[in-house]
Amino acid sequence: MISGKVVHGDGVGYTLGYPTANLDISPKKTKLEFGVYAARVIVNHLTYMAALVITNEPAKVEVYLLDFPHKELYGCVFVVDPIQRVSGIEKQDTKEKLKKKIADDILLVREVLEDT
């Protein structure tokens, strides 16, 4: 389990249709390989399915809550339980390819979480 407070990010996920919550922890502290993980997240005493993304450049930990109504989460503490790595981080050369990769990763996350 890892935990961190939601802080402001660069807003890229939001512009792609996948608003992420950036956590104030170093990727190194997670002790996880860089990549995309199926995870469960507890926030405000509720549990959600999520995609956990850990990147090196830029170094960050972010979470996309599946089926979550968009609302302000800044300052909330997330407790994240990574379940399974579903893919690596791959640089995409177009916005469309990036959106497709994210959509594909989310499908993988759903498959893993619905089976657990």
C-alpha atoms as a PDB file:
ATOM      1  CA  MET A   1       0.000   0.000   0.000  1.00  0.00           C
ATOM      2  CA  ILE A   2       1.115   3.532  -0.718  1.00  0.00           C
ATOM      3  CA  SER A   3      -0.485   6.813   0.214  1.00  0.00           C
ATOM      4  CA  GLY A   4      -0.171  10.446  -0.718  1.00  0.00           C
ATOM      5  CA  LYS A   5      -1.979  13.742  -0.815  1.00  0.00           C
ATOM      6  CA  VAL A   6      -3.474  14.971  -4.100  1.00  0.00           C
ATOM      7  CA  VAL A   7      -1.552  17.955  -5.463  1.00  0.00           C
ATOM      8  CA  HIS A   8      -1.795  20.066  -8.605  1.00  0.00           C
ATOM      9  CA  GLY A   9      -0.291  18.579 -11.753  1.00  0.00           C
ATOM     10  CA  ASP A  10       0.154  19.826 -15.288  1.00  0.00           C
ATOM     11  CA  GLY A  11      -3.417  19.050 -16.432  1.00  0.00           C
ATOM     12  CA  VAL A  12      -2.475  16.833 -19.390  1.00  0.00           C
ATOM     13  CA  GLY A  13      -4.716  13.936 -18.289  1.00  0.00           C
ATOM     14  CA  TYR A  14      -7.673  16.284 -17.983  1.00  0.00           C
ATOM     15  CA  THR A  15      -7.183  17.642 -21.522  1.00  0.00           C
ATOM     16  CA  LEU A  16      -7.119  14.057 -22.836  1.00  0.00           C
ATOM     17  CA  GLY A  17     -10.380  13.158 -21.091  1.00  0.00           C
ATOM     18  CA  TYR A  18      -8.692  11.247 -18.265  1.00  0.00           C
ATOM     19  CA  PRO A  19      -8.301  13.585 -15.291  1.00  0.00           C
ATOM     20  CA  THR A  20      -5.695  12.169 -12.941  1.00  0.00           C
ATOM     21  CA  ALA A  21      -4.942  12.892  -9.315  1.00  0.00           C
ATOM     22  CA  ASN A  22      -1.241  13.601  -8.854  1.00  0.00           C
ATOM     23  CA  LEU A  23       0.116  12.349  -5.531  1.00  0.00           C
ATOM     24  CA  ASP A  24       2.827  14.061  -3.511  1.00  0.00           C
ATOM     25  CA  ILE A  25       5.094  11.013  -3.304  1.00  0.00           C
ATOM     26  CA  SER A  26       8.227  10.071  -5.180  1.00  0.00           C
ATOM     27  CA  PRO A  27       7.996   7.142  -7.618  1.00  0.00           C
ATOM     28  CA  LYS A  28      11.065   5.686  -5.854  1.00  0.00           C
ATOM     29  CA  LYS A  29       9.148   5.476  -2.564  1.00  0.00           C
ATOM     30  CA  THR A  30       6.508   3.243  -4.159  1.00  0.00           C
ATOM     31  CA  LYS A  31       9.168   0.567  -4.816  1.00  0.00           C
ATOM     32  CA  LEU A  32       7.227  -0.295  -7.983  1.00  0.00           C
ATOM     33  CA  GLU A  33       8.490  -0.548 -11.541  1.00  0.00           C
ATOM     34  CA  PHE A  34       7.496   2.327 -13.834  1.00  0.00           C
ATOM     35  CA  GLY A  35       4.241   1.536 -15.602  1.00  0.00           C
ATOM     36  CA  VAL A  36       0.470   1.326 -15.367  1.00  0.00           C
ATOM     37  CA  TYR A  37      -1.156  -0.716 -12.609  1.00  0.00           C
ATOM     38  CA  ALA A  38      -4.649  -1.902 -11.802  1.00  0.00           C
ATOM     39  CA  ALA A  39      -5.289  -0.619  -8.282  1.00  0.00           C
ATOM     40  CA  ARG A  40      -7.893   0.000  -5.649  1.00  0.00           C
ATOM     41  CA  VAL A  41      -7.926   3.413  -3.998  1.00  0.00           C
ATOM     42  CA  ILE A  42      -9.495   4.495  -0.740  1.00  0.00           C
ATOM     43  CA  VAL A  43     -10.450   8.155  -0.592  1.00  0.00           C
ATOM     44  CA  ASN A  44     -12.846   9.690   1.931  1.00  0.00           C
ATOM     45  CA  HIS A  45     -13.624   6.184   3.306  1.00  0.00           C
ATOM     46  CA  LEU A  46     -14.809   4.916  -0.102  1.00  0.00           C
ATOM     47  CA  THR A  47     -13.009   2.429  -2.367  1.00  0.00           C
ATOM     48  CA  TYR A  48     -12.667   2.944  -6.126  1.00  0.00           C
ATOM     49  CA  MET A  49     -11.160   1.020  -9.021  1.00  0.00           C
ATOM     50  CA  ALA A  50      -8.246   2.931 -10.493  1.00  0.00           C
ATOM     51  CA  ALA A  51      -5.343   3.055 -12.899  1.00  0.00           C
ATOM     52  CA  LEU A  52      -2.113   3.884 -11.064  1.00  0.00           C
ATOM     53  CA  VAL A  53       0.567   5.436 -13.269  1.00  0.00           C
ATOM     54  CA  ILE A  54       4.192   5.668 -12.174  1.00  0.00           C
ATOM     55  CA  THR A  55       6.549   7.540 -14.494  1.00  0.00           C
ATOM     56  CA  ASN A  56      10.216   8.443 -14.465  1.00  0.00           C
ATOM     57  CA  GLU A  57      10.339  11.438 -16.824  1.00  0.00           C
ATOM     58  CA  PRO A  58       8.756  13.418 -15.401  1.00  0.00           C
ATOM     59  CA  ALA A  59       8.964  11.585 -12.086  1.00  0.00           C
ATOM     60  CA  LYS A  60       5.421  11.339 -10.760  1.00  0.00           C
ATOM     61  CA  VAL A  61       2.732   9.125  -9.316  1.00  0.00           C
ATOM     62  CA  GLU A  62      -0.794   9.699 -10.555  1.00  0.00           C
ATOM     63  CA  VAL A  63      -4.123   7.954 -10.246  1.00  0.00           C
ATOM     64  CA  TYR A  64      -7.109   7.852 -12.576  1.00  0.00           C
ATOM     65  CA  LEU A  65     -10.250   6.836 -10.688  1.00  0.00           C
ATOM     66  CA  LEU A  66     -12.572   4.764 -12.875  1.00  0.00           C
ATOM     67  CA  ASP A  67     -16.267   5.674 -12.905  1.00  0.00           C
ATOM     68  CA  PHE A  68     -15.667   8.620 -10.606  1.00  0.00           C
ATOM     69  CA  PRO A  69     -17.706  11.802 -10.982  1.00  0.00           C
ATOM     70  CA  HIS A  70     -15.275  14.628 -11.613  1.00  0.00           C
ATOM     71  CA  LYS A  71     -14.947  16.704  -8.481  1.00  0.00           C
ATOM     72  CA  GLU A  72     -12.248  18.553  -6.632  1.00  0.00           C
ATOM     73  CA  LEU A  73      -9.825  16.207  -4.887  1.00  0.00           C
ATOM     74  CA  TYR A  74      -6.897  18.516  -4.104  1.00  0.00           C
ATOM     75  CA  GLY A  75      -5.723  17.932  -0.551  1.00  0.00           C
ATOM     76  CA  CYS A  76      -7.441  14.539  -0.213  1.00  0.00           C
ATOM     77  CA  VAL A  77      -5.282  11.633   0.902  1.00  0.00           C
ATOM     78  CA  PHE A  78      -5.370   8.542  -1.327  1.00  0.00           C
ATOM     79  CA  VAL A  79      -4.482   5.104   0.014  1.00  0.00           C
ATOM     80  CA  VAL A  80      -3.517   3.043  -3.026  1.00  0.00           C
ATOM     81  CA  ASP A  81      -3.349  -0.743  -3.226  1.00  0.00           C
ATOM     82  CA  PRO A  82      -1.566  -1.723  -6.470  1.00  0.00           C
ATOM     83  CA  ILE A  83      -2.977  -5.060  -7.630  1.00  0.00           C
ATOM     84  CA  GLN A  84      -1.196  -5.863 -10.901  1.00  0.00           C
ATOM     85  CA  ARG A  85       0.999  -4.135 -13.496  1.00  0.00           C
ATOM     86  CA  VAL A  86      -0.881  -4.046 -16.815  1.00  0.00           C
ATOM     87  CA  SER A  87       1.540  -2.213 -19.109  1.00  0.00           C
ATOM     88  CA  GLY A  88       4.689  -0.186 -19.420  1.00  0.00           C
ATOM     89  CA  ILE A  89       5.139   3.493 -20.118  1.00  0.00           C
ATOM     90  CA  GLU A  90       5.488   4.071 -23.842  1.00  0.00           C
ATOM     91  CA  LYS A  91       6.148   7.425 -25.493  1.00  0.00           C
ATOM     92  CA  GLN A  92       3.454   8.166 -28.089  1.00  0.00           C
ATOM     93  CA  ASP A  93       4.123  10.516 -31.007  1.00  0.00           C
ATOM     94  CA  THR A  94       0.561  11.838 -31.400  1.00  0.00           C
ATOM     95  CA  LYS A  95      -2.241  12.851 -29.065  1.00  0.00           C
ATOM     96  CA  GLU A  96      -4.535  10.312 -30.744  1.00  0.00           C
ATOM     97  CA  LYS A  97      -2.087   7.451 -30.129  1.00  0.00           C
ATOM     98  CA  LEU A  98      -1.711   8.519 -26.505  1.00  0.00           C
ATOM     99  CA  LYS A  99      -5.494   8.557 -26.008  1.00  0.00           C
ATOM    100  CA  LYS A 100      -5.720   5.071 -27.577  1.00  0.00           C
ATOM    101  CA  LYS A 101      -2.956   3.751 -25.293  1.00  0.00           C
ATOM    102  CA  ILE A 102      -4.710   5.169 -22.230  1.00  0.00           C
ATOM    103  CA  ALA A 103      -8.061   3.688 -23.311  1.00  0.00           C
ATOM    104  CA  ASP A 104      -6.422   0.288 -23.897  1.00  0.00           C
ATOM    105  CA  ASP A 105      -4.707   0.432 -20.494  1.00  0.00           C
ATOM    106  CA  ILE A 106      -7.994   1.260 -18.778  1.00  0.00           C
ATOM    107  CA  LEU A 107      -9.628  -1.761 -20.419  1.00  0.00           C
ATOM    108  CA  LEU A 108      -6.824  -3.934 -19.034  1.00  0.00           C
ATOM    109  CA  VAL A 109      -7.234  -2.362 -15.598  1.00  0.00           C
ATOM    110  CA  ARG A 110     -10.982  -3.100 -15.642  1.00  0.00           C
ATOM    111  CA  GLU A 111     -10.363  -6.720 -16.652  1.00  0.00           C
ATOM    112  CA  VAL A 112      -7.928  -7.261 -13.786  1.00  0.00           C
ATOM    113  CA  LEU A 113     -10.084  -5.550 -11.178  1.00  0.00           C
ATOM    114  CA  GLU A 114     -13.325  -7.236 -12.203  1.00  0.00           C
ATOM    115  CA  ASP A 115     -11.591 -10.610 -11.771  1.00  0.00           C
ATOM    116  CA  THR A 116     -10.316  -9.822  -8.259  1.00  0.00           C
END
